[in-house]
Amino acid sequence: MTRIRRKFLTTSVLAEAALASPGTFTSSTTANNPMPKLLHHVFFWLKNPESKEDLASLIAGVKSLAAIETVRSFHVGVPASTEKREVVDNSYHVSELLGFDDVAGQDAYQVHPLHKKFVDEHQHLWSKVVVYDALAVE
């Protein structure tokens, strides 16, 4: 399977899971308040995956990002012990899924002091980061 196809399938599976699991979002995402238009999904691979301290520190740092004003929904997670299949990539250690109203909201998040502080204080913990940004299709 090509790398591009694998990324597409992984992203599709994750998007379907997010849509099927409304409880994974904060109370700002409800039946009366639909899913945000832009989803920002970030996957982190730890330099020291055996370190429970590094994992806890990264998770705490990621959780601090929920305070940024333009974030409309927020989820932090670790790989689920779901069925092992060719299309499932569970090699990462921590993920965050943030929702924004639009690209401008996500742009504001990127330059926000809390985001910059998070990167400065936690980048020493990860060896790799992959980001998928998805805009809703209407």
C-alpha atoms as a PDB file:
ATOM      1  CA  MET A   1       0.000   0.000   0.000  1.00  0.00           C
ATOM      2  CA  THR A   2       1.406   3.384  -0.896  1.00  0.00           C
ATOM      3  CA  ARG A   3       2.247   5.855   1.838  1.00  0.00           C
ATOM      4  CA  ILE A   4      -0.232   8.411   0.459  1.00  0.00           C
ATOM      5  CA  ARG A   5      -3.044   5.858   0.391  1.00  0.00           C
ATOM      6  CA  ARG A   6      -2.193   4.732   3.929  1.00  0.00           C
ATOM      7  CA  LYS A   7      -2.299   8.363   5.153  1.00  0.00           C
ATOM      8  CA  PHE A   8      -5.639   8.910   3.397  1.00  0.00           C
ATOM      9  CA  LEU A   9      -7.120   5.757   4.915  1.00  0.00           C
ATOM     10  CA  THR A  10      -5.795   6.563   8.362  1.00  0.00           C
ATOM     11  CA  THR A  11      -7.204  10.093   8.180  1.00  0.00           C
ATOM     12  CA  SER A  12     -10.551   8.770   6.922  1.00  0.00           C
ATOM     13  CA  VAL A  13     -10.795   6.232   9.723  1.00  0.00           C
ATOM     14  CA  LEU A  14      -9.935   8.881  12.315  1.00  0.00           C
ATOM     15  CA  ALA A  15     -12.488  11.306  10.896  1.00  0.00           C
ATOM     16  CA  GLU A  16     -15.188   8.632  10.925  1.00  0.00           C
ATOM     17  CA  ALA A  17     -14.311   7.762  14.506  1.00  0.00           C
ATOM     18  CA  ALA A  18     -14.547  11.407  15.524  1.00  0.00           C
ATOM     19  CA  LEU A  19     -17.936  11.772  13.866  1.00  0.00           C
ATOM     20  CA  ALA A  20     -19.198   8.567  15.467  1.00  0.00           C
ATOM     21  CA  SER A  21     -18.009   9.568  18.938  1.00  0.00           C
ATOM     22  CA  PRO A  22     -19.545  12.902  19.902  1.00  0.00           C
ATOM     23  CA  GLY A  23     -18.660  12.263  23.534  1.00  0.00           C
ATOM     24  CA  THR A  24     -14.976  12.715  22.725  1.00  0.00           C
ATOM     25  CA  PHE A  25     -15.423  16.451  22.280  1.00  0.00           C
ATOM     26  CA  THR A  26     -15.959  19.084  24.922  1.00  0.00           C
ATOM     27  CA  SER A  27     -19.460  20.254  25.689  1.00  0.00           C
ATOM     28  CA  SER A  28     -19.091  22.878  22.954  1.00  0.00           C
ATOM     29  CA  THR A  29     -19.781  20.147  20.389  1.00  0.00           C
ATOM     30  CA  THR A  30     -23.341  18.910  20.825  1.00  0.00           C
ATOM     31  CA  ALA A  31     -26.389  18.163  18.734  1.00  0.00           C
ATOM     32  CA  ASN A  32     -27.341  21.838  19.000  1.00  0.00           C
ATOM     33  CA  ASN A  33     -23.818  23.018  18.265  1.00  0.00           C
ATOM     34  CA  PRO A  34     -22.345  21.077  15.310  1.00  0.00           C
ATOM     35  CA  MET A  35     -18.771  19.950  14.857  1.00  0.00           C
ATOM     36  CA  PRO A  36     -16.331  22.757  14.072  1.00  0.00           C
ATOM     37  CA  LYS A  37     -15.519  23.440  10.416  1.00  0.00           C
ATOM     38  CA  LEU A  38     -11.770  22.865  10.744  1.00  0.00           C
ATOM     39  CA  LEU A  39     -10.191  19.938  12.591  1.00  0.00           C
ATOM     40  CA  HIS A  40      -6.512  20.064  13.515  1.00  0.00           C
ATOM     41  CA  HIS A  41      -5.176  16.598  14.393  1.00  0.00           C
ATOM     42  CA  VAL A  42      -1.636  16.343  15.718  1.00  0.00           C
ATOM     43  CA  PHE A  43       0.251  13.111  16.403  1.00  0.00           C
ATOM     44  CA  PHE A  44       3.339  13.030  18.630  1.00  0.00           C
ATOM     45  CA  TRP A  45       6.040  10.366  18.881  1.00  0.00           C
ATOM     46  CA  LEU A  46       8.058  10.537  22.097  1.00  0.00           C
ATOM     47  CA  LYS A  47      11.856  10.407  22.100  1.00  0.00           C
ATOM     48  CA  ASN A  48      11.670   8.211  25.207  1.00  0.00           C
ATOM     49  CA  PRO A  49       8.472   6.182  24.806  1.00  0.00           C
ATOM     50  CA  GLU A  50       9.172   4.146  27.949  1.00  0.00           C
ATOM     51  CA  SER A  51       9.174   7.282  30.123  1.00  0.00           C
ATOM     52  CA  LYS A  52       5.863   7.681  31.961  1.00  0.00           C
ATOM     53  CA  GLU A  53       7.071  11.116  33.108  1.00  0.00           C
ATOM     54  CA  ASP A  54       7.608  12.312  29.527  1.00  0.00           C
ATOM     55  CA  LEU A  55       4.191  10.983  28.514  1.00  0.00           C
ATOM     56  CA  ALA A  56       2.494  12.719  31.457  1.00  0.00           C
ATOM     57  CA  SER A  57       4.337  15.970  30.766  1.00  0.00           C
ATOM     58  CA  LEU A  58       3.361  15.968  27.088  1.00  0.00           C
ATOM     59  CA  ILE A  59      -0.282  15.191  27.880  1.00  0.00           C
ATOM     60  CA  ALA A  60      -0.399  17.989  30.470  1.00  0.00           C
ATOM     61  CA  GLY A  61       1.130  20.390  27.945  1.00  0.00           C
ATOM     62  CA  VAL A  62      -1.337  19.409  25.243  1.00  0.00           C
ATOM     63  CA  LYS A  63      -4.236  19.868  27.678  1.00  0.00           C
ATOM     64  CA  SER A  64      -3.091  23.450  28.331  1.00  0.00           C
ATOM     65  CA  LEU A  65      -3.870  24.300  24.691  1.00  0.00           C
ATOM     66  CA  ALA A  66      -7.613  23.944  25.308  1.00  0.00           C
ATOM     67  CA  ALA A  67      -7.510  27.390  26.968  1.00  0.00           C
ATOM     68  CA  ILE A  68      -6.772  29.154  23.667  1.00  0.00           C
ATOM     69  CA  GLU A  69      -9.809  31.268  22.757  1.00  0.00           C
ATOM     70  CA  THR A  70     -10.250  30.051  19.180  1.00  0.00           C
ATOM     71  CA  VAL A  71     -10.352  26.343  20.165  1.00  0.00           C
ATOM     72  CA  ARG A  72     -13.966  25.144  19.835  1.00  0.00           C
ATOM     73  CA  SER A  73     -13.477  21.454  20.635  1.00  0.00           C
ATOM     74  CA  PHE A  74     -10.666  19.524  22.204  1.00  0.00           C
ATOM     75  CA  HIS A  75      -9.577  15.912  22.591  1.00  0.00           C
ATOM     76  CA  VAL A  76      -6.294  14.447  23.789  1.00  0.00           C
ATOM     77  CA  GLY A  77      -5.649  10.737  23.506  1.00  0.00           C
ATOM     78  CA  VAL A  78      -3.283   7.827  23.297  1.00  0.00           C
ATOM     79  CA  PRO A  79      -3.490   4.875  20.900  1.00  0.00           C
ATOM     80  CA  ALA A  80      -6.545   2.722  21.522  1.00  0.00           C
ATOM     81  CA  SER A  81      -6.161  -1.018  21.764  1.00  0.00           C
ATOM     82  CA  THR A  82      -8.419  -1.612  18.811  1.00  0.00           C
ATOM     83  CA  GLU A  83      -8.147  -4.374  16.242  1.00  0.00           C
ATOM     84  CA  LYS A  84      -4.765  -4.486  14.497  1.00  0.00           C
ATOM     85  CA  ARG A  85      -5.351  -3.887  10.793  1.00  0.00           C
ATOM     86  CA  GLU A  86      -3.153  -2.740   7.925  1.00  0.00           C
ATOM     87  CA  VAL A  87      -4.899   0.648   7.758  1.00  0.00           C
ATOM     88  CA  VAL A  88      -4.498   1.434  11.481  1.00  0.00           C
ATOM     89  CA  ASP A  89      -1.391   3.334  12.526  1.00  0.00           C
ATOM     90  CA  ASN A  90      -1.005   3.226  16.282  1.00  0.00           C
ATOM     91  CA  SER A  91       2.719   3.949  16.335  1.00  0.00           C
ATOM     92  CA  TYR A  92       2.250   7.429  17.833  1.00  0.00           C
ATOM     93  CA  HIS A  93       2.202   8.084  21.590  1.00  0.00           C
ATOM     94  CA  VAL A  94      -0.119  11.102  22.039  1.00  0.00           C
ATOM     95  CA  SER A  95      -2.639  12.824  19.795  1.00  0.00           C
ATOM     96  CA  GLU A  96      -4.627  16.011  20.015  1.00  0.00           C
ATOM     97  CA  LEU A  97      -7.696  16.854  17.988  1.00  0.00           C
ATOM     98  CA  LEU A  98      -8.719  20.503  18.063  1.00  0.00           C
ATOM     99  CA  GLY A  99     -11.708  22.093  16.368  1.00  0.00           C
ATOM    100  CA  PHE A 100     -11.834  25.625  14.999  1.00  0.00           C
ATOM    101  CA  ASP A 101     -14.546  27.728  13.361  1.00  0.00           C
ATOM    102  CA  ASP A 102     -12.328  28.458  10.370  1.00  0.00           C
ATOM    103  CA  VAL A 103      -8.778  28.762   9.070  1.00  0.00           C
ATOM    104  CA  ALA A 104      -8.422  32.169  10.723  1.00  0.00           C
ATOM    105  CA  GLY A 105      -9.128  30.584  14.121  1.00  0.00           C
ATOM    106  CA  GLN A 106      -6.493  27.929  13.515  1.00  0.00           C
ATOM    107  CA  ASP A 107      -4.033  30.593  12.318  1.00  0.00           C
ATOM    108  CA  ALA A 108      -4.601  32.561  15.535  1.00  0.00           C
ATOM    109  CA  TYR A 109      -3.981  29.376  17.548  1.00  0.00           C
ATOM    110  CA  GLN A 110      -0.625  28.818  15.831  1.00  0.00           C
ATOM    111  CA  VAL A 111       0.761  32.190  16.938  1.00  0.00           C
ATOM    112  CA  HIS A 112      -0.963  32.295  20.338  1.00  0.00           C
ATOM    113  CA  PRO A 113       1.446  32.695  23.302  1.00  0.00           C
ATOM    114  CA  LEU A 114       0.109  29.511  24.958  1.00  0.00           C
ATOM    115  CA  HIS A 115       0.845  27.486  21.817  1.00  0.00           C
ATOM    116  CA  LYS A 116       4.321  28.991  21.498  1.00  0.00           C
ATOM    117  CA  LYS A 117       4.964  28.263  25.194  1.00  0.00           C
ATOM    118  CA  PHE A 118       3.801  24.667  24.727  1.00  0.00           C
ATOM    119  CA  VAL A 119       6.203  24.142  21.815  1.00  0.00           C
ATOM    120  CA  ASP A 120       9.104  25.798  23.648  1.00  0.00           C
ATOM    121  CA  GLU A 121       8.589  23.788  26.828  1.00  0.00           C
ATOM    122  CA  HIS A 122       7.763  20.392  25.330  1.00  0.00           C
ATOM    123  CA  GLN A 123       9.523  20.020  21.964  1.00  0.00           C
ATOM    124  CA  HIS A 124      12.438  18.270  23.668  1.00  0.00           C
ATOM    125  CA  LEU A 125      10.050  15.376  24.438  1.00  0.00           C
ATOM    126  CA  TRP A 126       9.131  14.389  20.885  1.00  0.00           C
ATOM    127  CA  SER A 127      11.078  12.869  18.034  1.00  0.00           C
ATOM    128  CA  LYS A 128       8.357  13.359  15.414  1.00  0.00           C
ATOM    129  CA  VAL A 129       5.143  15.313  14.929  1.00  0.00           C
ATOM    130  CA  VAL A 130       2.604  14.844  12.127  1.00  0.00           C
ATOM    131  CA  VAL A 131      -0.313  17.217  11.562  1.00  0.00           C
ATOM    132  CA  TYR A 132      -3.510  16.675   9.567  1.00  0.00           C
ATOM    133  CA  ASP A 133      -5.773  19.695   9.050  1.00  0.00           C
ATOM    134  CA  ALA A 134      -9.203  18.993   7.559  1.00  0.00           C
ATOM    135  CA  LEU A 135     -11.818  21.498   6.441  1.00  0.00           C
ATOM    136  CA  ALA A 136     -15.432  20.305   6.420  1.00  0.00           C
ATOM    137  CA  VAL A 137     -17.019  19.633   3.054  1.00  0.00           C
ATOM    138  CA  GLU A 138     -20.428  21.214   2.720  1.00  0.00           C
END
